[in-house]
Full PDB file with SEQRES, HELIX, SHEET, SSBOND, CRYST1, ORIGX, SCALE, CONECT and MASTER records, all heavy atoms in Angstrom:
SEQRES   1 A   35  LEU LEU PRO VAL LEU GLN ARG SER GLY HIS VAL VAL GLY          
SEQRES   2 A   35  LEU PRO THR SER ILE LEU VAL GLY PRO THR GLY CYS GLU          
SEQRES   3 A   35  ILE GLY VAL LEU LYS GLY PRO ALA GLU                          
HELIX    1 AA1 LEU A    2  ARG A    7  1                                   6    
SHEET    1 AA1 2 THR A  16  VAL A  20  0                                        
SHEET    2 AA1 2 GLU A  26  LYS A  31 -1                                        
CRYST1    1.000    1.000    1.000  90.00  90.00  90.00 P 1           1          
ORIGX1      1.000000  0.000000  0.000000        0.00000                         
ORIGX2      0.000000  1.000000  0.000000        0.00000                         
ORIGX3      0.000000  0.000000  1.000000        0.00000                         
SCALE1      1.000000  0.000000  0.000000        0.00000                         
SCALE2      0.000000  1.000000  0.000000        0.00000                         
SCALE3      0.000000  0.000000  1.000000        0.00000                         
ATOM      1  N   LEU A   1      60.845  19.185 120.589  1.00  0.00           N  
ATOM      2  CA  LEU A   1      62.078  18.931 119.846  1.00  0.00           C  
ATOM      3  C   LEU A   1      61.903  19.018 118.339  1.00  0.00           C  
ATOM      4  O   LEU A   1      62.756  19.567 117.636  1.00  0.00           O  
ATOM      5  CB  LEU A   1      62.621  17.551 120.234  1.00  0.00           C  
ATOM      6  CG  LEU A   1      63.903  17.080 119.545  1.00  0.00           C  
ATOM      7  CD1 LEU A   1      65.028  18.090 119.739  1.00  0.00           C  
ATOM      8  CD2 LEU A   1      64.309  15.714 120.081  1.00  0.00           C  
ATOM      9  N   LEU A   2      60.805  18.469 117.822  1.00  0.00           N  
ATOM     10  CA  LEU A   2      60.608  18.428 116.372  1.00  0.00           C  
ATOM     11  C   LEU A   2      60.674  19.812 115.723  1.00  0.00           C  
ATOM     12  O   LEU A   2      61.380  19.982 114.720  1.00  0.00           O  
ATOM     13  CB  LEU A   2      59.283  17.735 116.044  1.00  0.00           C  
ATOM     14  CG  LEU A   2      59.000  17.487 114.559  1.00  0.00           C  
ATOM     15  CD1 LEU A   2      60.100  16.653 113.927  1.00  0.00           C  
ATOM     16  CD2 LEU A   2      57.648  16.802 114.384  1.00  0.00           C  
ATOM     17  N   PRO A   3      59.978  20.843 116.240  1.00  0.00           N  
ATOM     18  CA  PRO A   3      60.081  22.166 115.612  1.00  0.00           C  
ATOM     19  C   PRO A   3      61.507  22.727 115.603  1.00  0.00           C  
ATOM     20  O   PRO A   3      61.914  23.386 114.642  1.00  0.00           O  
ATOM     21  CB  PRO A   3      59.155  23.043 116.469  1.00  0.00           C  
ATOM     22  CG  PRO A   3      58.209  22.093 117.118  1.00  0.00           C  
ATOM     23  CD  PRO A   3      59.008  20.844 117.355  1.00  0.00           C  
ATOM     24  N   VAL A   4      62.264  22.433 116.647  1.00  0.00           N  
ATOM     25  CA  VAL A   4      63.654  22.907 116.709  1.00  0.00           C  
ATOM     26  C   VAL A   4      64.468  22.323 115.566  1.00  0.00           C  
ATOM     27  O   VAL A   4      65.200  23.036 114.867  1.00  0.00           O  
ATOM     28  CB  VAL A   4      64.287  22.524 118.067  1.00  0.00           C  
ATOM     29  CG1 VAL A   4      65.789  22.800 118.062  1.00  0.00           C  
ATOM     30  CG2 VAL A   4      63.633  23.302 119.207  1.00  0.00           C  
ATOM     31  N   LEU A   5      64.334  21.023 115.339  1.00  0.00           N  
ATOM     32  CA  LEU A   5      65.117  20.363 114.299  1.00  0.00           C  
ATOM     33  C   LEU A   5      64.547  20.590 112.905  1.00  0.00           C  
ATOM     34  O   LEU A   5      65.268  20.475 111.916  1.00  0.00           O  
ATOM     35  CB  LEU A   5      65.222  18.875 114.611  1.00  0.00           C  
ATOM     36  CG  LEU A   5      66.041  18.557 115.866  1.00  0.00           C  
ATOM     37  CD1 LEU A   5      66.022  17.064 116.170  1.00  0.00           C  
ATOM     38  CD2 LEU A   5      67.476  19.046 115.719  1.00  0.00           C  
ATOM     39  N   GLN A   6      63.274  20.927 112.816  1.00  0.00           N  
ATOM     40  CA  GLN A   6      62.723  21.336 111.525  1.00  0.00           C  
ATOM     41  C   GLN A   6      63.286  22.692 111.119  1.00  0.00           C  
ATOM     42  O   GLN A   6      63.647  22.909 109.957  1.00  0.00           O  
ATOM     43  CB  GLN A   6      61.198  21.384 111.592  1.00  0.00           C  
ATOM     44  CG  GLN A   6      60.550  20.010 111.591  1.00  0.00           C  
ATOM     45  CD  GLN A   6      59.049  20.061 111.798  1.00  0.00           C  
ATOM     46  OE1 GLN A   6      58.535  20.936 112.498  1.00  0.00           O  
ATOM     47  NE2 GLN A   6      58.324  19.128 111.200  1.00  0.00           N  
ATOM     48  N   ARG A   7      63.376  23.613 112.077  1.00  0.00           N  
ATOM     49  CA  ARG A   7      63.927  24.942 111.773  1.00  0.00           C  
ATOM     50  C   ARG A   7      65.401  24.857 111.382  1.00  0.00           C  
ATOM     51  O   ARG A   7      65.870  25.618 110.530  1.00  0.00           O  
ATOM     52  CB  ARG A   7      63.760  25.882 112.977  1.00  0.00           C  
ATOM     53  CG  ARG A   7      62.340  26.366 113.199  1.00  0.00           C  
ATOM     54  CD  ARG A   7      62.299  27.526 114.174  1.00  0.00           C  
ATOM     55  NE  ARG A   7      62.756  27.160 115.495  1.00  0.00           N  
ATOM     56  CZ  ARG A   7      61.963  26.686 116.455  1.00  0.00           C  
ATOM     57  NH1 ARG A   7      60.669  26.490 116.224  1.00  0.00           N  
ATOM     58  NH2 ARG A   7      62.462  26.394 117.651  1.00  0.00           N  
ATOM     59  N   SER A   8      66.135  23.952 111.985  1.00  0.00           N  
ATOM     60  CA  SER A   8      67.562  23.822 111.670  1.00  0.00           C  
ATOM     61  C   SER A   8      67.796  23.058 110.369  1.00  0.00           C  
ATOM     62  O   SER A   8      68.931  22.994 109.887  1.00  0.00           O  
ATOM     63  CB  SER A   8      68.291  23.115 112.820  1.00  0.00           C  
ATOM     64  OG  SER A   8      67.897  21.753 112.898  1.00  0.00           O  
ATOM     65  N   GLY A   9      66.731  22.468 109.809  1.00  0.00           N  
ATOM     66  CA  GLY A   9      66.858  21.725 108.562  1.00  0.00           C  
ATOM     67  C   GLY A   9      67.232  20.272 108.739  1.00  0.00           C  
ATOM     68  O   GLY A   9      67.409  19.550 107.750  1.00  0.00           O  
ATOM     69  N   HIS A  10      67.329  19.793 109.980  1.00  0.00           N  
ATOM     70  CA  HIS A  10      67.702  18.401 110.202  1.00  0.00           C  
ATOM     71  C   HIS A  10      66.548  17.438 109.938  1.00  0.00           C  
ATOM     72  O   HIS A  10      66.788  16.270 109.619  1.00  0.00           O  
ATOM     73  CB  HIS A  10      68.201  18.221 111.640  1.00  0.00           C  
ATOM     74  CG  HIS A  10      69.556  18.787 111.877  1.00  0.00           C  
ATOM     75  ND1 HIS A  10      69.770  20.097 112.260  1.00  0.00           N  
ATOM     76  CD2 HIS A  10      70.789  18.227 111.760  1.00  0.00           C  
ATOM     77  CE1 HIS A  10      71.067  20.309 112.372  1.00  0.00           C  
ATOM     78  NE2 HIS A  10      71.707  19.205 112.081  1.00  0.00           N  
ATOM     79  N   VAL A  11      65.327  17.896 110.099  1.00  0.00           N  
ATOM     80  CA  VAL A  11      64.178  17.007 109.984  1.00  0.00           C  
ATOM     81  C   VAL A  11      63.190  17.536 108.950  1.00  0.00           C  
ATOM     82  O   VAL A  11      62.773  18.691 109.029  1.00  0.00           O  
ATOM     83  CB  VAL A  11      63.459  16.851 111.339  1.00  0.00           C  
ATOM     84  CG1 VAL A  11      62.183  16.027 111.177  1.00  0.00           C  
ATOM     85  CG2 VAL A  11      64.376  16.192 112.358  1.00  0.00           C  
ATOM     86  N   VAL A  12      62.846  16.690 107.986  1.00  0.00           N  
ATOM     87  CA  VAL A  12      61.752  17.006 107.063  1.00  0.00           C  
ATOM     88  C   VAL A  12      60.644  15.968 107.206  1.00  0.00           C  
ATOM     89  O   VAL A  12      59.542  16.135 106.697  1.00  0.00           O  
ATOM     90  CB  VAL A  12      62.246  17.059 105.599  1.00  0.00           C  
ATOM     91  CG1 VAL A  12      63.192  18.224 105.393  1.00  0.00           C  
ATOM     92  CG2 VAL A  12      62.917  15.748 105.194  1.00  0.00           C  
ATOM     93  N   GLY A  13      60.926  14.895 107.886  1.00  0.00           N  
ATOM     94  CA  GLY A  13      59.957  13.827 108.138  1.00  0.00           C  
ATOM     95  C   GLY A  13      60.588  12.794 109.044  1.00  0.00           C  
ATOM     96  O   GLY A  13      61.745  12.934 109.450  1.00  0.00           O  
ATOM     97  N   LEU A  14      59.854  11.761 109.369  1.00  0.00           N  
ATOM     98  CA  LEU A  14      60.370  10.700 110.227  1.00  0.00           C  
ATOM     99  C   LEU A  14      60.429   9.390 109.440  1.00  0.00           C  
ATOM    100  O   LEU A  14      59.624   9.187 108.537  1.00  0.00           O  
ATOM    101  CB  LEU A  14      59.457  10.521 111.445  1.00  0.00           C  
ATOM    102  CG  LEU A  14      59.362  11.694 112.413  1.00  0.00           C  
ATOM    103  CD1 LEU A  14      58.472  11.331 113.596  1.00  0.00           C  
ATOM    104  CD2 LEU A  14      60.729  12.135 112.904  1.00  0.00           C  
ATOM    105  N   PRO A  15      61.392   8.536 109.770  1.00  0.00           N  
ATOM    106  CA  PRO A  15      62.405   8.721 110.804  1.00  0.00           C  
ATOM    107  C   PRO A  15      63.538   9.618 110.334  1.00  0.00           C  
ATOM    108  O   PRO A  15      63.750   9.793 109.129  1.00  0.00           O  
ATOM    109  CB  PRO A  15      62.921   7.296 111.041  1.00  0.00           C  
ATOM    110  CG  PRO A  15      62.772   6.645 109.687  1.00  0.00           C  
ATOM    111  CD  PRO A  15      61.501   7.205 109.118  1.00  0.00           C  
ATOM    112  N   THR A  16      64.257  10.169 111.293  1.00  0.00           N  
ATOM    113  CA  THR A  16      65.500  10.899 111.040  1.00  0.00           C  
ATOM    114  C   THR A  16      66.526  10.397 112.039  1.00  0.00           C  
ATOM    115  O   THR A  16      66.213  10.207 113.211  1.00  0.00           O  
ATOM    116  CB  THR A  16      65.319  12.410 111.205  1.00  0.00           C  
ATOM    117  OG1 THR A  16      64.459  12.909 110.172  1.00  0.00           O  
ATOM    118  CG2 THR A  16      66.654  13.139 111.114  1.00  0.00           C  
ATOM    119  N   SER A  17      67.735  10.165 111.560  1.00  0.00           N  
ATOM    120  CA  SER A  17      68.815   9.714 112.437  1.00  0.00           C  
ATOM    121  C   SER A  17      70.010  10.654 112.299  1.00  0.00           C  
ATOM    122  O   SER A  17      70.399  11.007 111.184  1.00  0.00           O  
ATOM    123  CB  SER A  17      69.248   8.282 112.094  1.00  0.00           C  
ATOM    124  OG  SER A  17      68.174   7.378 112.283  1.00  0.00           O  
ATOM    125  N   ILE A  18      70.569  11.046 113.435  1.00  0.00           N  
ATOM    126  CA  ILE A  18      71.713  11.951 113.456  1.00  0.00           C  
ATOM    127  C   ILE A  18      72.865  11.268 114.171  1.00  0.00           C  
ATOM    128  O   ILE A  18      72.733  10.857 115.327  1.00  0.00           O  
ATOM    129  CB  ILE A  18      71.371  13.280 114.168  1.00  0.00           C  
ATOM    130  CG1 ILE A  18      70.141  13.934 113.542  1.00  0.00           C  
ATOM    131  CG2 ILE A  18      72.572  14.233 114.119  1.00  0.00           C  
ATOM    132  CD1 ILE A  18      69.613  15.131 114.325  1.00  0.00           C  
ATOM    133  N   LEU A  19      73.975  11.130 113.482  1.00  0.00           N  
ATOM    134  CA  LEU A  19      75.193  10.625 114.115  1.00  0.00           C  
ATOM    135  C   LEU A  19      75.883  11.792 114.807  1.00  0.00           C  
ATOM    136  O   LEU A  19      76.118  12.844 114.202  1.00  0.00           O  
ATOM    137  CB  LEU A  19      76.113   9.990 113.076  1.00  0.00           C  
ATOM    138  CG  LEU A  19      75.770   8.538 112.707  1.00  0.00           C  
ATOM    139  CD1 LEU A  19      76.334   8.189 111.341  1.00  0.00           C  
ATOM    140  CD2 LEU A  19      76.288   7.580 113.772  1.00  0.00           C  
ATOM    141  N   VAL A  20      76.185  11.599 116.077  1.00  0.00           N  
ATOM    142  CA  VAL A  20      76.737  12.663 116.910  1.00  0.00           C  
ATOM    143  C   VAL A  20      78.072  12.187 117.481  1.00  0.00           C  
ATOM    144  O   VAL A  20      78.167  11.091 118.039  1.00  0.00           O  
ATOM    145  CB  VAL A  20      75.766  13.012 118.063  1.00  0.00           C  
ATOM    146  CG1 VAL A  20      76.323  14.130 118.930  1.00  0.00           C  
ATOM    147  CG2 VAL A  20      74.405  13.408 117.500  1.00  0.00           C  
ATOM    148  N   GLY A  21      79.097  13.027 117.331  1.00  0.00           N  
ATOM    149  CA  GLY A  21      80.414  12.674 117.852  1.00  0.00           C  
ATOM    150  C   GLY A  21      80.515  12.882 119.356  1.00  0.00           C  
ATOM    151  O   GLY A  21      79.614  13.443 119.990  1.00  0.00           O  
ATOM    152  N   PRO A  22      81.620  12.463 119.967  1.00  0.00           N  
ATOM    153  CA  PRO A  22      81.787  12.572 121.413  1.00  0.00           C  
ATOM    154  C   PRO A  22      81.721  14.002 121.945  1.00  0.00           C  
ATOM    155  O   PRO A  22      81.434  14.213 123.128  1.00  0.00           O  
ATOM    156  CB  PRO A  22      83.177  11.971 121.654  1.00  0.00           C  
ATOM    157  CG  PRO A  22      83.384  11.027 120.508  1.00  0.00           C  
ATOM    158  CD  PRO A  22      82.711  11.693 119.346  1.00  0.00           C  
ATOM    159  N   THR A  23      81.949  15.000 121.081  1.00  0.00           N  
ATOM    160  CA  THR A  23      81.871  16.384 121.530  1.00  0.00           C  
ATOM    161  C   THR A  23      80.446  16.932 121.472  1.00  0.00           C  
ATOM    162  O   THR A  23      80.205  18.076 121.848  1.00  0.00           O  
ATOM    163  CB  THR A  23      82.770  17.295 120.672  1.00  0.00           C  
ATOM    164  OG1 THR A  23      82.286  17.306 119.324  1.00  0.00           O  
ATOM    165  CG2 THR A  23      84.213  16.826 120.696  1.00  0.00           C  
ATOM    166  N   GLY A  24      79.491  16.126 120.955  1.00  0.00           N  
ATOM    167  CA  GLY A  24      78.114  16.595 120.822  1.00  0.00           C  
ATOM    168  C   GLY A  24      77.839  17.267 119.495  1.00  0.00           C  
ATOM    169  O   GLY A  24      76.817  17.937 119.331  1.00  0.00           O  
ATOM    170  N   CYS A  25      78.715  17.076 118.511  1.00  0.00           N  
ATOM    171  CA  CYS A  25      78.563  17.715 117.202  1.00  0.00           C  
ATOM    172  C   CYS A  25      78.098  16.706 116.153  1.00  0.00           C  
ATOM    173  O   CYS A  25      78.371  15.504 116.249  1.00  0.00           O  
ATOM    174  CB  CYS A  25      79.885  18.341 116.764  1.00  0.00           C  
ATOM    175  SG  CYS A  25      80.457  19.645 117.873  1.00  0.00           S  
ATOM    176  N   GLU A  26      77.399  17.205 115.148  1.00  0.00           N  
ATOM    177  CA  GLU A  26      76.884  16.362 114.066  1.00  0.00           C  
ATOM    178  C   GLU A  26      78.018  15.866 113.181  1.00  0.00           C  
ATOM    179  O   GLU A  26      78.829  16.639 112.691  1.00  0.00           O  
ATOM    180  CB  GLU A  26      75.904  17.166 113.213  1.00  0.00           C  
ATOM    181  CG  GLU A  26      75.395  16.443 111.984  1.00  0.00           C  
ATOM    182  CD  GLU A  26      74.741  17.392 110.991  1.00  0.00           C  
ATOM    183  OE1 GLU A  26      74.165  18.412 111.425  1.00  0.00           O  
ATOM    184  OE2 GLU A  26      74.812  17.107 109.781  1.00  0.00           O  
ATOM    185  N   ILE A  27      78.039  14.530 112.969  1.00  0.00           N  
ATOM    186  CA  ILE A  27      79.014  13.967 112.039  1.00  0.00           C  
ATOM    187  C   ILE A  27      78.333  13.201 110.906  1.00  0.00           C  
ATOM    188  O   ILE A  27      78.993  12.656 110.027  1.00  0.00           O  
ATOM    189  CB  ILE A  27      80.031  13.057 112.764  1.00  0.00           C  
ATOM    190  CG1 ILE A  27      79.331  11.936 113.531  1.00  0.00           C  
ATOM    191  CG2 ILE A  27      80.912  13.884 113.707  1.00  0.00           C  
ATOM    192  CD1 ILE A  27      80.295  10.921 114.173  1.00  0.00           C  
ATOM    193  N   GLY A  28      77.005  13.182 110.926  1.00  0.00           N  
ATOM    194  CA  GLY A  28      76.252  12.549 109.852  1.00  0.00           C  
ATOM    195  C   GLY A  28      74.769  12.662 110.123  1.00  0.00           C  
ATOM    196  O   GLY A  28      74.354  12.752 111.277  1.00  0.00           O  
ATOM    197  N   VAL A  29      73.971  12.676 109.063  1.00  0.00           N  
ATOM    198  CA  VAL A  29      72.518  12.734 109.231  1.00  0.00           C  
ATOM    199  C   VAL A  29      71.849  11.951 108.110  1.00  0.00           C  
ATOM    200  O   VAL A  29      72.299  11.983 106.959  1.00  0.00           O  
ATOM    201  CB  VAL A  29      72.012  14.193 109.274  1.00  0.00           C  
ATOM    202  CG1 VAL A  29      72.309  14.929 107.970  1.00  0.00           C  
ATOM    203  CG2 VAL A  29      70.520  14.255 109.599  1.00  0.00           C  
ATOM    204  N   LEU A  30      70.812  11.224 108.473  1.00  0.00           N  
ATOM    205  CA  LEU A  30      70.033  10.478 107.494  1.00  0.00           C  
ATOM    206  C   LEU A  30      68.570  10.849 107.651  1.00  0.00           C  
ATOM    207  O   LEU A  30      67.978  10.628 108.711  1.00  0.00           O  
ATOM    208  CB  LEU A  30      70.203   8.971 107.691  1.00  0.00           C  
ATOM    209  CG  LEU A  30      69.313   8.083 106.821  1.00  0.00           C  
ATOM    210  CD1 LEU A  30      69.575   8.325 105.335  1.00  0.00           C  
ATOM    211  CD2 LEU A  30      69.518   6.618 107.150  1.00  0.00           C  
ATOM    212  N   LYS A  31      67.991  11.402 106.603  1.00  0.00           N  
ATOM    213  CA  LYS A  31      66.573  11.761 106.604  1.00  0.00           C  
ATOM    214  C   LYS A  31      65.799  10.650 105.919  1.00  0.00           C  
ATOM    215  O   LYS A  31      65.611  10.655 104.722  1.00  0.00           O  
ATOM    216  CB  LYS A  31      66.390  13.107 105.897  1.00  0.00           C  
ATOM    217  CG  LYS A  31      67.154  14.243 106.563  1.00  0.00           C  
ATOM    218  CD  LYS A  31      67.094  15.543 105.766  1.00  0.00           C  
ATOM    219  CE  LYS A  31      67.914  16.632 106.429  1.00  0.00           C  
ATOM    220  NZ  LYS A  31      67.904  17.900 105.657  1.00  0.00           N  
ATOM    221  N   GLY A  32      65.379   9.683 106.722  1.00  0.00           N  
ATOM    222  CA  GLY A  32      64.689   8.518 106.188  1.00  0.00           C  
ATOM    223  C   GLY A  32      65.168   7.271 106.905  1.00  0.00           C  
ATOM    224  O   GLY A  32      66.038   7.328 107.776  1.00  0.00           O  
ATOM    225  N   PRO A  33      64.610   6.121 106.548  1.00  0.00           N  
ATOM    226  CA  PRO A  33      64.972   4.870 107.219  1.00  0.00           C  
ATOM    227  C   PRO A  33      66.245   4.259 106.651  1.00  0.00           C  
ATOM    228  O   PRO A  33      66.702   4.615 105.561  1.00  0.00           O  
ATOM    229  CB  PRO A  33      63.760   3.982 106.933  1.00  0.00           C  
ATOM    230  CG  PRO A  33      63.282   4.453 105.591  1.00  0.00           C  
ATOM    231  CD  PRO A  33      63.524   5.939 105.569  1.00  0.00           C  
ATOM    232  N   ALA A  34      66.793   3.318 107.401  1.00  0.00           N  
ATOM    233  CA  ALA A  34      67.958   2.562 106.928  1.00  0.00           C  
ATOM    234  C   ALA A  34      67.956   1.203 107.608  1.00  0.00           C  
ATOM    235  O   ALA A  34      67.318   1.009 108.643  1.00  0.00           O  
ATOM    236  CB  ALA A  34      69.256   3.305 107.231  1.00  0.00           C  
ATOM    237  N   GLU A  35      68.711   0.286 107.040  1.00  0.00           N  
ATOM    238  CA  GLU A  35      68.910  -1.022 107.666  1.00  0.00           C  
ATOM    239  C   GLU A  35      70.136  -0.904 108.577  1.00  0.00           C  
ATOM    240  O   GLU A  35      71.270  -1.175 108.174  1.00  0.00           O  
ATOM    241  CB  GLU A  35      69.103  -2.091 106.591  1.00  0.00           C  
ATOM    242  CG  GLU A  35      69.323  -3.488 107.127  1.00  0.00           C  
ATOM    243  CD  GLU A  35      68.358  -3.871 108.222  1.00  0.00           C  
ATOM    244  OE1 GLU A  35      67.158  -4.069 107.924  1.00  0.00           O  
ATOM    245  OE2 GLU A  35      68.805  -3.981 109.383  1.00  0.00           O  
TER     246      GLU A  35                                                      
MASTER        0    0    0    1    2    0    0    6  245    1    0    3          
END                                                                             
């Protein structure tokens, strides 16, 4: 999985969090930690 998301630009390091809507589409992304 990691190489796939690195190629798409979603991941440059960990952690990474992706908010996904009910249709399976990206509605937000955070590259890094959060509270």
